[in-house]
Amino acid sequence: MSWLFQNKIEPRCAYCVRSRSLNDDQVVCSKKGVMSCSSHCRAFKYDPLRRTPPRPAKAEFSSLKDEDFSL
């Protein structure tokens, strides 16, 4: 769970405490007004509950053979 609270998250208005979602591409900021989800300002404050982490990559097992699973 600690990966959700990384220190090196790229600042985005979509993850900010001060923003509210307007539509898929825009948010309403209490400091700046209507902003793009990908932009940010100096008042950015990270809210980890707003961020949806990327899905982990699916494992590709089609290239494995039965010999790979025997001892």
PDB file of N, CA and C in Angstrom:
ATOM      1  N   MET A   1       0.811  -1.185   0.000  1.00  0.00           N
ATOM      2  CA  MET A   1       0.000   0.000   0.000  1.00  0.00           C
ATOM      3  C   MET A   1       0.863   1.261   0.000  1.00  0.00           C
ATOM      4  N   SER A   2       2.128   1.133   0.358  1.00  0.00           N
ATOM      5  CA  SER A   2       2.993   2.308   0.426  1.00  0.00           C
ATOM      6  C   SER A   2       3.251   2.915  -0.947  1.00  0.00           C
ATOM      7  N   TRP A   3       3.053   2.156  -2.012  1.00  0.00           N
ATOM      8  CA  TRP A   3       3.267   2.699  -3.361  1.00  0.00           C
ATOM      9  C   TRP A   3       2.224   3.745  -3.718  1.00  0.00           C
ATOM     10  N   LEU A   4       1.105   3.763  -3.021  1.00  0.00           N
ATOM     11  CA  LEU A   4       0.101   4.809  -3.260  1.00  0.00           C
ATOM     12  C   LEU A   4       0.560   6.171  -2.756  1.00  0.00           C
ATOM     13  N   PHE A   5       1.408   6.167  -1.729  1.00  0.00           N
ATOM     14  CA  PHE A   5       1.824   7.397  -1.070  1.00  0.00           C
ATOM     15  C   PHE A   5       3.254   7.768  -1.414  1.00  0.00           C
ATOM     16  N   GLN A   6       3.659   7.596  -2.666  1.00  0.00           N
ATOM     17  CA  GLN A   6       5.005   7.944  -3.096  1.00  0.00           C
ATOM     18  C   GLN A   6       5.235   9.440  -2.986  1.00  0.00           C
ATOM     19  N   ASN A   7       6.478   9.827  -2.800  1.00  0.00           N
ATOM     20  CA  ASN A   7       6.828  11.238  -2.726  1.00  0.00           C
ATOM     21  C   ASN A   7       7.005  11.860  -4.101  1.00  0.00           C
ATOM     22  N   LYS A   8       7.196  11.061  -5.126  1.00  0.00           N
ATOM     23  CA  LYS A   8       7.509  11.577  -6.454  1.00  0.00           C
ATOM     24  C   LYS A   8       6.343  11.433  -7.423  1.00  0.00           C
ATOM     25  N   ILE A   9       5.162  11.787  -7.013  1.00  0.00           N
ATOM     26  CA  ILE A   9       3.987  11.788  -7.878  1.00  0.00           C
ATOM     27  C   ILE A   9       4.020  13.070  -8.699  1.00  0.00           C
ATOM     28  N   GLU A  10       3.807  12.937 -10.000  1.00  0.00           N
ATOM     29  CA  GLU A  10       3.762  14.124 -10.862  1.00  0.00           C
ATOM     30  C   GLU A  10       2.531  14.950 -10.500  1.00  0.00           C
ATOM     31  N   PRO A  11       2.712  16.244 -10.188  1.00  0.00           N
ATOM     32  CA  PRO A  11       1.556  17.059  -9.791  1.00  0.00           C
ATOM     33  C   PRO A  11       0.568  17.245 -10.937  1.00  0.00           C
ATOM     34  N   ARG A  12      -0.686  17.012 -10.665  1.00  0.00           N
ATOM     35  CA  ARG A  12      -1.780  17.205 -11.620  1.00  0.00           C
ATOM     36  C   ARG A  12      -2.993  17.708 -10.865  1.00  0.00           C
ATOM     37  N   CYS A  13      -3.751  18.553 -11.499  1.00  0.00           N
ATOM     38  CA  CYS A  13      -4.969  19.071 -10.869  1.00  0.00           C
ATOM     39  C   CYS A  13      -5.949  17.947 -10.540  1.00  0.00           C
ATOM     40  N   ALA A  14      -5.915  16.871 -11.291  1.00  0.00           N
ATOM     41  CA  ALA A  14      -6.822  15.755 -11.053  1.00  0.00           C
ATOM     42  C   ALA A  14      -6.580  15.114  -9.688  1.00  0.00           C
ATOM     43  N   TYR A  15      -5.353  15.225  -9.120  1.00  0.00           N
ATOM     44  CA  TYR A  15      -5.006  14.626  -7.835  1.00  0.00           C
ATOM     45  C   TYR A  15      -5.003  15.644  -6.696  1.00  0.00           C
ATOM     46  N   CYS A  16      -5.401  16.863  -6.936  1.00  0.00           N
ATOM     47  CA  CYS A  16      -5.280  17.933  -5.951  1.00  0.00           C
ATOM     48  C   CYS A  16      -6.480  17.971  -4.999  1.00  0.00           C
ATOM     49  N   VAL A  17      -6.219  18.317  -3.759  1.00  0.00           N
ATOM     50  CA  VAL A  17      -7.261  18.452  -2.744  1.00  0.00           C
ATOM     51  C   VAL A  17      -8.210  19.599  -3.090  1.00  0.00           C
ATOM     52  N   ARG A  18      -7.690  20.628  -3.723  1.00  0.00           N
ATOM     53  CA  ARG A  18      -8.465  21.844  -3.988  1.00  0.00           C
ATOM     54  C   ARG A  18      -9.310  21.781  -5.255  1.00  0.00           C
ATOM     55  N   SER A  19      -9.288  20.671  -5.972  1.00  0.00           N
ATOM     56  CA  SER A  19     -10.023  20.592  -7.240  1.00  0.00           C
ATOM     57  C   SER A  19     -11.261  19.713  -7.120  1.00  0.00           C
ATOM     58  N   ARG A  20     -12.227  19.990  -7.960  1.00  0.00           N
ATOM     59  CA  ARG A  20     -13.445  19.180  -8.101  1.00  0.00           C
ATOM     60  C   ARG A  20     -13.620  18.878  -9.579  1.00  0.00           C
ATOM     61  N   SER A  21     -13.985  17.662  -9.905  1.00  0.00           N
ATOM     62  CA  SER A  21     -14.121  17.240 -11.290  1.00  0.00           C
ATOM     63  C   SER A  21     -15.283  17.949 -11.973  1.00  0.00           C
ATOM     64  N   LEU A  22     -15.012  18.476 -13.164  1.00  0.00           N
ATOM     65  CA  LEU A  22     -16.040  19.125 -13.963  1.00  0.00           C
ATOM     66  C   LEU A  22     -16.503  18.171 -15.061  1.00  0.00           C
ATOM     67  N   ASN A  23     -15.557  17.587 -15.774  1.00  0.00           N
ATOM     68  CA  ASN A  23     -15.799  16.524 -16.755  1.00  0.00           C
ATOM     69  C   ASN A  23     -14.518  15.700 -16.854  1.00  0.00           C
ATOM     70  N   ASP A  24     -14.364  14.884 -17.888  1.00  0.00           N
ATOM     71  CA  ASP A  24     -13.194  14.010 -18.003  1.00  0.00           C
ATOM     72  C   ASP A  24     -11.893  14.776 -18.200  1.00  0.00           C
ATOM     73  N   ASP A  25     -11.948  15.969 -18.780  1.00  0.00           N
ATOM     74  CA  ASP A  25     -10.735  16.718 -19.112  1.00  0.00           C
ATOM     75  C   ASP A  25     -10.514  17.967 -18.282  1.00  0.00           C
ATOM     76  N   GLN A  26     -11.483  18.381 -17.477  1.00  0.00           N
ATOM     77  CA  GLN A  26     -11.362  19.626 -16.740  1.00  0.00           C
ATOM     78  C   GLN A  26     -11.789  19.464 -15.282  1.00  0.00           C
ATOM     79  N   VAL A  27     -11.188  20.313 -14.434  1.00  0.00           N
ATOM     80  CA  VAL A  27     -11.545  20.378 -13.024  1.00  0.00           C
ATOM     81  C   VAL A  27     -11.782  21.834 -12.644  1.00  0.00           C
ATOM     82  N   VAL A  28     -12.486  22.040 -11.548  1.00  0.00           N
ATOM     83  CA  VAL A  28     -12.683  23.385 -11.013  1.00  0.00           C
ATOM     84  C   VAL A  28     -11.807  23.494  -9.774  1.00  0.00           C
ATOM     85  N   CYS A  29     -10.856  24.421  -9.822  1.00  0.00           N
ATOM     86  CA  CYS A  29      -9.922  24.641  -8.726  1.00  0.00           C
ATOM     87  C   CYS A  29     -10.420  25.785  -7.854  1.00  0.00           C
ATOM     88  N   SER A  30     -10.293  25.636  -6.533  1.00  0.00           N
ATOM     89  CA  SER A  30     -10.732  26.704  -5.646  1.00  0.00           C
ATOM     90  C   SER A  30      -9.815  27.923  -5.718  1.00  0.00           C
ATOM     91  N   LYS A  31      -8.600  27.758  -6.237  1.00  0.00           N
ATOM     92  CA  LYS A  31      -7.652  28.862  -6.363  1.00  0.00           C
ATOM     93  C   LYS A  31      -7.657  29.487  -7.761  1.00  0.00           C
ATOM     94  N   LYS A  32      -7.695  28.654  -8.805  1.00  0.00           N
ATOM     95  CA  LYS A  32      -7.512  29.126 -10.175  1.00  0.00           C
ATOM     96  C   LYS A  32      -8.749  29.065 -11.063  1.00  0.00           C
ATOM     97  N   GLY A  33      -9.815  28.408 -10.646  1.00  0.00           N
ATOM     98  CA  GLY A  33     -11.007  28.281 -11.474  1.00  0.00           C
ATOM     99  C   GLY A  33     -10.947  27.029 -12.334  1.00  0.00           C
ATOM    100  N   VAL A  34     -11.439  27.105 -13.556  1.00  0.00           N
ATOM    101  CA  VAL A  34     -11.470  25.949 -14.459  1.00  0.00           C
ATOM    102  C   VAL A  34     -10.067  25.711 -15.004  1.00  0.00           C
ATOM    103  N   MET A  35      -9.580  24.479 -14.824  1.00  0.00           N
ATOM    104  CA  MET A  35      -8.232  24.095 -15.258  1.00  0.00           C
ATOM    105  C   MET A  35      -8.291  22.737 -15.943  1.00  0.00           C
ATOM    106  N   SER A  36      -7.262  22.439 -16.717  1.00  0.00           N
ATOM    107  CA  SER A  36      -7.113  21.124 -17.333  1.00  0.00           C
ATOM    108  C   SER A  36      -6.701  20.119 -16.254  1.00  0.00           C
ATOM    109  N   CYS A  37      -7.104  18.876 -16.398  1.00  0.00           N
ATOM    110  CA  CYS A  37      -6.752  17.843 -15.417  1.00  0.00           C
ATOM    111  C   CYS A  37      -5.248  17.604 -15.347  1.00  0.00           C
ATOM    112  N   SER A  38      -4.544  17.810 -16.451  1.00  0.00           N
ATOM    113  CA  SER A  38      -3.114  17.527 -16.488  1.00  0.00           C
ATOM    114  C   SER A  38      -2.259  18.701 -16.031  1.00  0.00           C
ATOM    115  N   SER A  39      -2.832  19.872 -15.816  1.00  0.00           N
ATOM    116  CA  SER A  39      -2.037  21.021 -15.379  1.00  0.00           C
ATOM    117  C   SER A  39      -1.937  21.044 -13.856  1.00  0.00           C
ATOM    118  N   HIS A  40      -1.172  21.986 -13.323  1.00  0.00           N
ATOM    119  CA  HIS A  40      -1.050  22.171 -11.879  1.00  0.00           C
ATOM    120  C   HIS A  40      -0.577  23.586 -11.587  1.00  0.00           C
ATOM    121  N   CYS A  41      -0.716  24.005 -10.333  1.00  0.00           N
ATOM    122  CA  CYS A  41      -0.259  25.332  -9.922  1.00  0.00           C
ATOM    123  C   CYS A  41       0.557  25.207  -8.638  1.00  0.00           C
ATOM    124  N   ARG A  42       1.017  26.317  -8.113  1.00  0.00           N
ATOM    125  CA  ARG A  42       1.833  26.306  -6.901  1.00  0.00           C
ATOM    126  C   ARG A  42       1.033  25.889  -5.668  1.00  0.00           C
ATOM    127  N   ALA A  43      -0.273  25.980  -5.728  1.00  0.00           N
ATOM    128  CA  ALA A  43      -1.120  25.616  -4.594  1.00  0.00           C
ATOM    129  C   ALA A  43      -1.442  24.123  -4.575  1.00  0.00           C
ATOM    130  N   PHE A  44      -0.799  23.322  -5.420  1.00  0.00           N
ATOM    131  CA  PHE A  44      -1.068  21.891  -5.510  1.00  0.00           C
ATOM    132  C   PHE A  44      -0.829  21.206  -4.164  1.00  0.00           C
ATOM    133  N   LYS A  45      -1.806  20.409  -3.751  1.00  0.00           N
ATOM    134  CA  LYS A  45      -1.687  19.593  -2.545  1.00  0.00           C
ATOM    135  C   LYS A  45      -2.233  18.216  -2.875  1.00  0.00           C
ATOM    136  N   TYR A  46      -1.372  17.214  -2.798  1.00  0.00           N
ATOM    137  CA  TYR A  46      -1.689  15.853  -3.229  1.00  0.00           C
ATOM    138  C   TYR A  46      -2.722  15.183  -2.325  1.00  0.00           C
ATOM    139  N   ASP A  47      -3.725  14.567  -2.955  1.00  0.00           N
ATOM    140  CA  ASP A  47      -4.720  13.759  -2.262  1.00  0.00           C
ATOM    141  C   ASP A  47      -4.633  12.344  -2.830  1.00  0.00           C
ATOM    142  N   PRO A  48      -4.055  11.388  -2.097  1.00  0.00           N
ATOM    143  CA  PRO A  48      -3.841  10.047  -2.635  1.00  0.00           C
ATOM    144  C   PRO A  48      -5.128   9.300  -2.968  1.00  0.00           C
ATOM    145  N   LEU A  49      -6.244   9.685  -2.381  1.00  0.00           N
ATOM    146  CA  LEU A  49      -7.494   8.985  -2.663  1.00  0.00           C
ATOM    147  C   LEU A  49      -8.092   9.379  -4.009  1.00  0.00           C
ATOM    148  N   ARG A  50      -7.625  10.445  -4.627  1.00  0.00           N
ATOM    149  CA  ARG A  50      -8.122  10.858  -5.940  1.00  0.00           C
ATOM    150  C   ARG A  50      -7.404  10.154  -7.082  1.00  0.00           C
ATOM    151  N   ARG A  51      -6.250   9.587  -6.802  1.00  0.00           N
ATOM    152  CA  ARG A  51      -5.436   8.975  -7.852  1.00  0.00           C
ATOM    153  C   ARG A  51      -5.824   7.517  -8.040  1.00  0.00           C
ATOM    154  N   THR A  52      -6.042   7.132  -9.289  1.00  0.00           N
ATOM    155  CA  THR A  52      -6.285   5.734  -9.627  1.00  0.00           C
ATOM    156  C   THR A  52      -4.995   5.171 -10.196  1.00  0.00           C
ATOM    157  N   PRO A  53      -4.313   4.271  -9.480  1.00  0.00           N
ATOM    158  CA  PRO A  53      -3.038   3.753  -9.967  1.00  0.00           C
ATOM    159  C   PRO A  53      -3.226   2.953 -11.253  1.00  0.00           C
ATOM    160  N   PRO A  54      -2.204   2.935 -12.104  1.00  0.00           N
ATOM    161  CA  PRO A  54      -2.317   2.155 -13.341  1.00  0.00           C
ATOM    162  C   PRO A  54      -2.432   0.671 -13.039  1.00  0.00           C
ATOM    163  N   ARG A  55      -3.123  -0.037 -13.892  1.00  0.00           N
ATOM    164  CA  ARG A  55      -3.287  -1.476 -13.707  1.00  0.00           C
ATOM    165  C   ARG A  55      -1.955  -2.175 -13.949  1.00  0.00           C
ATOM    166  N   PRO A  56      -1.657  -3.213 -13.167  1.00  0.00           N
ATOM    167  CA  PRO A  56      -0.418  -3.950 -13.393  1.00  0.00           C
ATOM    168  C   PRO A  56      -0.474  -4.685 -14.736  1.00  0.00           C
ATOM    169  N   ALA A  57       0.688  -4.861 -15.331  1.00  0.00           N
ATOM    170  CA  ALA A  57       0.762  -5.541 -16.623  1.00  0.00           C
ATOM    171  C   ALA A  57       0.352  -6.999 -16.469  1.00  0.00           C
ATOM    172  N   LYS A  58      -0.348  -7.520 -17.479  1.00  0.00           N
ATOM    173  CA  LYS A  58      -0.754  -8.921 -17.457  1.00  0.00           C
ATOM    174  C   LYS A  58       0.454  -9.797 -17.756  1.00  0.00           C
ATOM    175  N   ALA A  59       0.541 -10.903 -17.054  1.00  0.00           N
ATOM    176  CA  ALA A  59       1.622 -11.852 -17.294  1.00  0.00           C
ATOM    177  C   ALA A  59       1.347 -12.611 -18.587  1.00  0.00           C
ATOM    178  N   GLU A  60       2.384 -12.812 -19.363  1.00  0.00           N
ATOM    179  CA  GLU A  60       2.271 -13.523 -20.641  1.00  0.00           C
ATOM    180  C   GLU A  60       2.837 -14.926 -20.455  1.00  0.00           C
ATOM    181  N   PHE A  61       1.952 -15.915 -20.410  1.00  0.00           N
ATOM    182  CA  PHE A  61       2.362 -17.296 -20.179  1.00  0.00           C
ATOM    183  C   PHE A  61       2.354 -18.135 -21.453  1.00  0.00           C
ATOM    184  N   SER A  62       1.986 -17.574 -22.576  1.00  0.00           N
ATOM    185  CA  SER A  62       1.879 -18.369 -23.804  1.00  0.00           C
ATOM    186  C   SER A  62       3.235 -18.844 -24.314  1.00  0.00           C
ATOM    187  N   SER A  63       4.306 -18.152 -23.978  1.00  0.00           N
ATOM    188  CA  SER A  63       5.627 -18.550 -24.471  1.00  0.00           C
ATOM    189  C   SER A  63       6.277 -19.632 -23.602  1.00  0.00           C
ATOM    190  N   LEU A  64       5.666 -19.985 -22.463  1.00  0.00           N
ATOM    191  CA  LEU A  64       6.228 -20.999 -21.581  1.00  0.00           C
ATOM    192  C   LEU A  64       5.830 -22.393 -22.033  1.00  0.00           C
ATOM    193  N   LYS A  65       6.703 -23.338 -21.742  1.00  0.00           N
ATOM    194  CA  LYS A  65       6.469 -24.737 -22.111  1.00  0.00           C
ATOM    195  C   LYS A  65       6.310 -25.562 -20.850  1.00  0.00           C
ATOM    196  N   ASP A  66       5.894 -26.809 -20.995  1.00  0.00           N
ATOM    197  CA  ASP A  66       5.728 -27.704 -19.851  1.00  0.00           C
ATOM    198  C   ASP A  66       7.062 -27.953 -19.146  1.00  0.00           C
ATOM    199  N   GLU A  67       8.176 -27.937 -19.887  1.00  0.00           N
ATOM    200  CA  GLU A  67       9.486 -28.155 -19.288  1.00  0.00           C
ATOM    201  C   GLU A  67       9.853 -27.039 -18.312  1.00  0.00           C
ATOM    202  N   ASP A  68       9.303 -25.880 -18.492  1.00  0.00           N
ATOM    203  CA  ASP A  68       9.593 -24.743 -17.606  1.00  0.00           C
ATOM    204  C   ASP A  68       9.008 -24.962 -16.204  1.00  0.00           C
ATOM    205  N   PHE A  69       8.027 -25.859 -16.082  1.00  0.00           N
ATOM    206  CA  PHE A  69       7.373 -26.073 -14.814  1.00  0.00           C
ATOM    207  C   PHE A  69       7.792 -27.384 -14.129  1.00  0.00           C
ATOM    208  N   SER A  70       8.747 -28.069 -14.683  1.00  0.00           N
ATOM    209  CA  SER A  70       9.203 -29.334 -14.080  1.00  0.00           C
ATOM    210  C   SER A  70      10.535 -29.121 -13.375  1.00  0.00           C
ATOM    211  N   LEU A  71      10.749 -29.939 -12.327  1.00  0.00           N
ATOM    212  CA  LEU A  71      11.999 -29.847 -11.570  1.00  0.00           C
ATOM    213  C   LEU A  71      13.017 -30.817 -12.048  1.00  0.00           C
TER     214      LEU A  71
END
